[in-house]
Amino acid sequence: MTVSAREKAMAAITLMAVLYGVLGLSLRGRVEKMRELRAVHREQKELMAQRDALIAQRADWEQQYNGLKDLMPVFEPGRRVDTYWLAIMDRLAAKNNFSIVKRQIGAEQPAGDVFEMPIECKDWEGSLDALVGFLYDMQSEGAMLDVRQMYIRPAPNKPALLRGSFKLHCAYMRAETAAPETADKEGKP
């Protein structure tokens, strides 16, 4: 069997078409992979730019921190701080005729140099004006008190009152050693 020149040319063209097809299919996967890598690179570049911008703002953050750090109460190590925060909460509640019925103190949680103590008020009762006044006074106390979760419902059989629960987070710092000026800043009774 002899193969003619025309058949040889057709076989060569077919072989070339098959090779180009295989090459195209393998390149498609590589091109897709390259696009994915470029997208990841772009995202990483944007993330890096955002982090660089935050680092560039360090002086501003430090200036703000230095201006506000004196507002944060500092307690000596080992001292119970729940009574301090409960006294503030009770004072503000009494001022606004706001009744806190049940509360539960959570465990102290470190967050860097700052500590947080959650206080869960499981049941409270008051009018809308009392609630707004209480929350306003809590916010006026500064960044140390933060109401993060609140549920409100009408009180049964008392149309003018509201009931509910909320979770208060109190922020403070612990001193490395007890200093006499710290005790004055804490507002001990």
C-alpha atoms as a PDB file:
ATOM      1  CA  MET A   1       0.000   0.000   0.000  1.00  0.00           C
ATOM      2  CA  THR A   2       1.401   3.237  -1.104  1.00  0.00           C
ATOM      3  CA  VAL A   3       0.361   6.548   0.332  1.00  0.00           C
ATOM      4  CA  SER A   4      -0.079   9.309  -2.132  1.00  0.00           C
ATOM      5  CA  ALA A   5       1.223  12.814  -1.640  1.00  0.00           C
ATOM      6  CA  ARG A   6      -2.307  14.055  -1.217  1.00  0.00           C
ATOM      7  CA  GLU A   7      -3.002  11.562   1.583  1.00  0.00           C
ATOM      8  CA  LYS A   8       0.283  12.518   3.238  1.00  0.00           C
ATOM      9  CA  ALA A   9      -0.731  16.184   3.102  1.00  0.00           C
ATOM     10  CA  MET A  10      -4.199  15.385   4.543  1.00  0.00           C
ATOM     11  CA  ALA A  11      -2.620  13.327   7.331  1.00  0.00           C
ATOM     12  CA  ALA A  12      -0.190  16.158   8.093  1.00  0.00           C
ATOM     13  CA  ILE A  13      -3.020  18.716   8.160  1.00  0.00           C
ATOM     14  CA  THR A  14      -5.135  16.446  10.387  1.00  0.00           C
ATOM     15  CA  LEU A  15      -2.192  15.868  12.712  1.00  0.00           C
ATOM     16  CA  MET A  16      -1.551  19.615  12.895  1.00  0.00           C
ATOM     17  CA  ALA A  17      -5.245  20.296  13.629  1.00  0.00           C
ATOM     18  CA  VAL A  18      -5.243  17.701  16.405  1.00  0.00           C
ATOM     19  CA  LEU A  19      -2.014  19.146  17.874  1.00  0.00           C
ATOM     20  CA  TYR A  20      -3.420  22.675  17.765  1.00  0.00           C
ATOM     21  CA  GLY A  21      -6.632  21.431  19.401  1.00  0.00           C
ATOM     22  CA  VAL A  22      -4.723  19.717  22.213  1.00  0.00           C
ATOM     23  CA  LEU A  23      -2.511  22.771  22.607  1.00  0.00           C
ATOM     24  CA  GLY A  24      -5.579  25.024  22.718  1.00  0.00           C
ATOM     25  CA  LEU A  25      -7.308  22.899  25.344  1.00  0.00           C
ATOM     26  CA  SER A  26      -4.230  22.770  27.541  1.00  0.00           C
ATOM     27  CA  LEU A  27      -3.643  26.508  27.145  1.00  0.00           C
ATOM     28  CA  ARG A  28      -7.267  27.286  28.068  1.00  0.00           C
ATOM     29  CA  GLY A  29      -6.747  25.745  31.500  1.00  0.00           C
ATOM     30  CA  ARG A  30      -3.489  27.611  31.930  1.00  0.00           C
ATOM     31  CA  VAL A  31      -5.052  30.903  30.819  1.00  0.00           C
ATOM     32  CA  GLU A  32      -7.882  30.427  33.350  1.00  0.00           C
ATOM     33  CA  LYS A  33      -5.341  29.632  36.057  1.00  0.00           C
ATOM     34  CA  MET A  34      -3.390  32.752  35.102  1.00  0.00           C
ATOM     35  CA  ARG A  35      -6.559  34.889  35.349  1.00  0.00           C
ATOM     36  CA  GLU A  36      -7.314  33.444  38.799  1.00  0.00           C
ATOM     37  CA  LEU A  37      -3.769  34.151  39.948  1.00  0.00           C
ATOM     38  CA  ARG A  38      -4.000  37.719  38.648  1.00  0.00           C
ATOM     39  CA  ALA A  39      -7.290  38.226  40.525  1.00  0.00           C
ATOM     40  CA  VAL A  40      -5.739  36.874  43.730  1.00  0.00           C
ATOM     41  CA  HIS A  41      -2.702  39.078  43.193  1.00  0.00           C
ATOM     42  CA  ARG A  42      -4.946  42.117  42.676  1.00  0.00           C
ATOM     43  CA  GLU A  43      -6.889  41.347  45.886  1.00  0.00           C
ATOM     44  CA  GLN A  44      -3.661  40.882  47.840  1.00  0.00           C
ATOM     45  CA  LYS A  45      -2.329  44.140  46.441  1.00  0.00           C
ATOM     46  CA  GLU A  46      -5.499  45.988  47.519  1.00  0.00           C
ATOM     47  CA  LEU A  47      -5.318  44.408  50.968  1.00  0.00           C
ATOM     48  CA  MET A  48      -1.684  45.414  51.276  1.00  0.00           C
ATOM     49  CA  ALA A  49      -2.554  48.989  50.245  1.00  0.00           C
ATOM     50  CA  GLN A  50      -5.307  49.125  52.895  1.00  0.00           C
ATOM     51  CA  ARG A  51      -2.933  47.841  55.564  1.00  0.00           C
ATOM     52  CA  ASP A  52      -0.242  50.298  54.481  1.00  0.00           C
ATOM     53  CA  ALA A  53      -2.813  53.107  54.783  1.00  0.00           C
ATOM     54  CA  LEU A  54      -3.649  51.964  58.326  1.00  0.00           C
ATOM     55  CA  ILE A  55       0.031  51.846  59.217  1.00  0.00           C
ATOM     56  CA  ALA A  56       0.476  55.335  57.796  1.00  0.00           C
ATOM     57  CA  GLN A  57      -2.267  56.546  60.160  1.00  0.00           C
ATOM     58  CA  ARG A  58      -0.410  55.234  63.223  1.00  0.00           C
ATOM     59  CA  ALA A  59       0.503  58.714  64.456  1.00  0.00           C
ATOM     60  CA  ASP A  60      -3.160  59.777  64.305  1.00  0.00           C
ATOM     61  CA  TRP A  61      -4.262  56.618  66.144  1.00  0.00           C
ATOM     62  CA  GLU A  62      -1.616  57.122  68.829  1.00  0.00           C
ATOM     63  CA  GLN A  63      -2.624  60.754  69.257  1.00  0.00           C
ATOM     64  CA  GLN A  64      -6.286  59.760  69.652  1.00  0.00           C
ATOM     65  CA  TYR A  65      -5.331  56.990  72.071  1.00  0.00           C
ATOM     66  CA  ASN A  66      -3.189  59.322  74.179  1.00  0.00           C
ATOM     67  CA  GLY A  67      -6.071  61.787  74.352  1.00  0.00           C
ATOM     68  CA  LEU A  68      -8.583  59.127  75.432  1.00  0.00           C
ATOM     69  CA  LYS A  69      -6.534  56.734  77.554  1.00  0.00           C
ATOM     70  CA  ASP A  70      -6.907  58.912  80.643  1.00  0.00           C
ATOM     71  CA  LEU A  71     -10.689  58.435  80.427  1.00  0.00           C
ATOM     72  CA  MET A  72     -10.330  54.670  80.837  1.00  0.00           C
ATOM     73  CA  PRO A  73     -10.388  53.586  84.481  1.00  0.00           C
ATOM     74  CA  VAL A  74      -7.371  51.624  85.677  1.00  0.00           C
ATOM     75  CA  PHE A  75      -7.729  49.024  88.425  1.00  0.00           C
ATOM     76  CA  GLU A  76      -5.033  47.212  90.335  1.00  0.00           C
ATOM     77  CA  PRO A  77      -4.558  43.536  89.527  1.00  0.00           C
ATOM     78  CA  GLY A  78      -6.864  41.165  91.362  1.00  0.00           C
ATOM     79  CA  ARG A  79      -9.450  43.793  92.325  1.00  0.00           C
ATOM     80  CA  ARG A  80     -13.070  42.977  91.586  1.00  0.00           C
ATOM     81  CA  VAL A  81     -14.406  45.577  89.195  1.00  0.00           C
ATOM     82  CA  ASP A  82     -17.998  44.385  88.927  1.00  0.00           C
ATOM     83  CA  THR A  83     -19.088  46.524  91.894  1.00  0.00           C
ATOM     84  CA  TYR A  84     -17.641  49.621  90.245  1.00  0.00           C
ATOM     85  CA  TRP A  85     -19.599  49.071  87.022  1.00  0.00           C
ATOM     86  CA  LEU A  86     -22.771  47.961  88.821  1.00  0.00           C
ATOM     87  CA  ALA A  87     -22.679  51.152  90.918  1.00  0.00           C
ATOM     88  CA  ILE A  88     -22.502  53.284  87.761  1.00  0.00           C
ATOM     89  CA  MET A  89     -25.311  51.318  86.119  1.00  0.00           C
ATOM     90  CA  ASP A  90     -27.502  51.527  89.247  1.00  0.00           C
ATOM     91  CA  ARG A  91     -26.856  55.275  89.601  1.00  0.00           C
ATOM     92  CA  LEU A  92     -27.873  55.927  85.992  1.00  0.00           C
ATOM     93  CA  ALA A  93     -30.922  53.659  86.278  1.00  0.00           C
ATOM     94  CA  ALA A  94     -32.108  55.413  89.449  1.00  0.00           C
ATOM     95  CA  LYS A  95     -31.533  58.819  87.865  1.00  0.00           C
ATOM     96  CA  ASN A  96     -33.831  57.892  84.964  1.00  0.00           C
ATOM     97  CA  ASN A  97     -36.461  55.915  86.951  1.00  0.00           C
ATOM     98  CA  PHE A  98     -35.369  52.788  85.068  1.00  0.00           C
ATOM     99  CA  SER A  99     -35.731  49.457  86.879  1.00  0.00           C
ATOM    100  CA  ILE A 100     -33.183  46.670  86.362  1.00  0.00           C
ATOM    101  CA  VAL A 101     -34.682  43.514  87.858  1.00  0.00           C
ATOM    102  CA  LYS A 102     -32.197  40.718  87.045  1.00  0.00           C
ATOM    103  CA  ARG A 103     -28.575  40.969  86.041  1.00  0.00           C
ATOM    104  CA  GLN A 104     -25.717  38.554  85.621  1.00  0.00           C
ATOM    105  CA  ILE A 105     -22.035  39.426  85.567  1.00  0.00           C
ATOM    106  CA  GLY A 106     -19.863  37.668  83.017  1.00  0.00           C
ATOM    107  CA  ALA A 107     -16.198  36.773  83.203  1.00  0.00           C
ATOM    108  CA  GLU A 108     -13.469  39.318  82.572  1.00  0.00           C
ATOM    109  CA  GLN A 109     -12.195  39.058  78.997  1.00  0.00           C
ATOM    110  CA  PRO A 110      -8.802  40.461  77.938  1.00  0.00           C
ATOM    111  CA  ALA A 111      -8.649  42.309  74.628  1.00  0.00           C
ATOM    112  CA  GLY A 112      -5.039  43.407  74.272  1.00  0.00           C
ATOM    113  CA  ASP A 113      -4.186  45.968  76.977  1.00  0.00           C
ATOM    114  CA  VAL A 114      -7.879  46.497  77.710  1.00  0.00           C
ATOM    115  CA  PHE A 115     -10.216  44.207  79.630  1.00  0.00           C
ATOM    116  CA  GLU A 116     -13.954  43.849  79.111  1.00  0.00           C
ATOM    117  CA  MET A 117     -16.567  42.688  81.559  1.00  0.00           C
ATOM    118  CA  PRO A 118     -19.984  41.803  80.150  1.00  0.00           C
ATOM    119  CA  ILE A 119     -23.010  42.460  82.330  1.00  0.00           C
ATOM    120  CA  GLU A 120     -26.197  40.847  81.094  1.00  0.00           C
ATOM    121  CA  CYS A 121     -29.333  42.579  82.322  1.00  0.00           C
ATOM    122  CA  LYS A 122     -31.827  39.788  81.821  1.00  0.00           C
ATOM    123  CA  ASP A 123     -34.882  41.778  82.836  1.00  0.00           C
ATOM    124  CA  TRP A 124     -35.546  45.515  82.970  1.00  0.00           C
ATOM    125  CA  GLU A 125     -38.661  47.663  83.021  1.00  0.00           C
ATOM    126  CA  GLY A 126     -39.307  51.315  82.305  1.00  0.00           C
ATOM    127  CA  SER A 127     -41.044  53.836  80.116  1.00  0.00           C
ATOM    128  CA  LEU A 128     -39.717  54.823  76.729  1.00  0.00           C
ATOM    129  CA  ASP A 129     -38.464  58.123  78.175  1.00  0.00           C
ATOM    130  CA  ALA A 130     -36.686  56.279  81.010  1.00  0.00           C
ATOM    131  CA  LEU A 131     -35.063  53.875  78.527  1.00  0.00           C
ATOM    132  CA  VAL A 132     -33.879  56.672  76.244  1.00  0.00           C
ATOM    133  CA  GLY A 133     -32.568  58.697  79.199  1.00  0.00           C
ATOM    134  CA  PHE A 134     -30.768  55.664  80.618  1.00  0.00           C
ATOM    135  CA  LEU A 135     -29.148  54.810  77.275  1.00  0.00           C
ATOM    136  CA  TYR A 136     -28.186  58.447  76.697  1.00  0.00           C
ATOM    137  CA  ASP A 137     -26.550  58.664  80.124  1.00  0.00           C
ATOM    138  CA  MET A 138     -24.735  55.368  79.497  1.00  0.00           C
ATOM    139  CA  GLN A 139     -23.372  56.774  76.238  1.00  0.00           C
ATOM    140  CA  SER A 140     -22.417  60.027  77.973  1.00  0.00           C
ATOM    141  CA  GLU A 141     -20.268  58.085  80.437  1.00  0.00           C
ATOM    142  CA  GLY A 142     -17.812  57.553  77.593  1.00  0.00           C
ATOM    143  CA  ALA A 143     -16.422  54.716  75.550  1.00  0.00           C
ATOM    144  CA  MET A 144     -16.064  52.455  78.585  1.00  0.00           C
ATOM    145  CA  LEU A 145     -19.741  51.416  78.519  1.00  0.00           C
ATOM    146  CA  ASP A 146     -21.155  49.813  75.404  1.00  0.00           C
ATOM    147  CA  VAL A 147     -24.643  48.330  75.030  1.00  0.00           C
ATOM    148  CA  ARG A 148     -24.181  45.715  72.302  1.00  0.00           C
ATOM    149  CA  GLN A 149     -27.395  43.749  72.380  1.00  0.00           C
ATOM    150  CA  MET A 150     -30.888  44.881  73.367  1.00  0.00           C
ATOM    151  CA  TYR A 151     -34.348  43.337  73.216  1.00  0.00           C
ATOM    152  CA  ILE A 152     -37.471  45.423  73.868  1.00  0.00           C
ATOM    153  CA  ARG A 153     -41.084  44.339  74.197  1.00  0.00           C
ATOM    154  CA  PRO A 154     -44.231  45.915  75.696  1.00  0.00           C
ATOM    155  CA  ALA A 155     -44.907  45.020  79.325  1.00  0.00           C
ATOM    156  CA  PRO A 156     -47.992  42.821  79.724  1.00  0.00           C
ATOM    157  CA  ASN A 157     -50.889  44.533  81.554  1.00  0.00           C
ATOM    158  CA  LYS A 158     -48.913  47.834  81.680  1.00  0.00           C
ATOM    159  CA  PRO A 159     -49.381  49.693  78.395  1.00  0.00           C
ATOM    160  CA  ALA A 160     -47.055  52.608  79.267  1.00  0.00           C
ATOM    161  CA  LEU A 161     -44.083  50.403  80.176  1.00  0.00           C
ATOM    162  CA  LEU A 162     -41.521  48.463  78.201  1.00  0.00           C
ATOM    163  CA  ARG A 163     -39.592  45.368  79.260  1.00  0.00           C
ATOM    164  CA  GLY A 164     -36.590  43.630  77.841  1.00  0.00           C
ATOM    165  CA  SER A 165     -32.963  42.689  78.237  1.00  0.00           C
ATOM    166  CA  PHE A 166     -29.602  44.045  77.178  1.00  0.00           C
ATOM    167  CA  LYS A 167     -25.934  43.191  77.341  1.00  0.00           C
ATOM    168  CA  LEU A 168     -23.537  45.858  78.575  1.00  0.00           C
ATOM    169  CA  HIS A 169     -19.787  45.606  78.010  1.00  0.00           C
ATOM    170  CA  CYS A 170     -17.571  47.607  80.362  1.00  0.00           C
ATOM    171  CA  ALA A 171     -13.985  48.388  79.314  1.00  0.00           C
ATOM    172  CA  TYR A 172     -11.105  49.111  81.683  1.00  0.00           C
ATOM    173  CA  MET A 173      -7.405  48.553  82.117  1.00  0.00           C
ATOM    174  CA  ARG A 174      -5.371  46.768  84.764  1.00  0.00           C
ATOM    175  CA  ALA A 175      -2.372  48.493  86.292  1.00  0.00           C
ATOM    176  CA  GLU A 176       0.887  46.606  86.377  1.00  0.00           C
ATOM    177  CA  THR A 177       1.463  47.829  89.933  1.00  0.00           C
ATOM    178  CA  ALA A 178      -0.978  49.540  92.254  1.00  0.00           C
ATOM    179  CA  ALA A 179      -0.386  53.293  92.295  1.00  0.00           C
ATOM    180  CA  PRO A 180      -1.935  55.771  94.779  1.00  0.00           C
ATOM    181  CA  GLU A 181      -3.165  58.054  91.973  1.00  0.00           C
ATOM    182  CA  THR A 182      -5.005  55.097  90.431  1.00  0.00           C
ATOM    183  CA  ALA A 183      -7.231  54.766  93.485  1.00  0.00           C
ATOM    184  CA  ASP A 184      -8.289  58.421  93.199  1.00  0.00           C
ATOM    185  CA  LYS A 185      -9.100  58.008  89.499  1.00  0.00           C
ATOM    186  CA  GLU A 186     -11.294  54.954  90.102  1.00  0.00           C
ATOM    187  CA  GLY A 187     -13.774  56.935  92.151  1.00  0.00           C
ATOM    188  CA  LYS A 188     -13.761  54.712  95.210  1.00  0.00           C
ATOM    189  CA  PRO A 189     -16.619  55.485  97.613  1.00  0.00           C
END
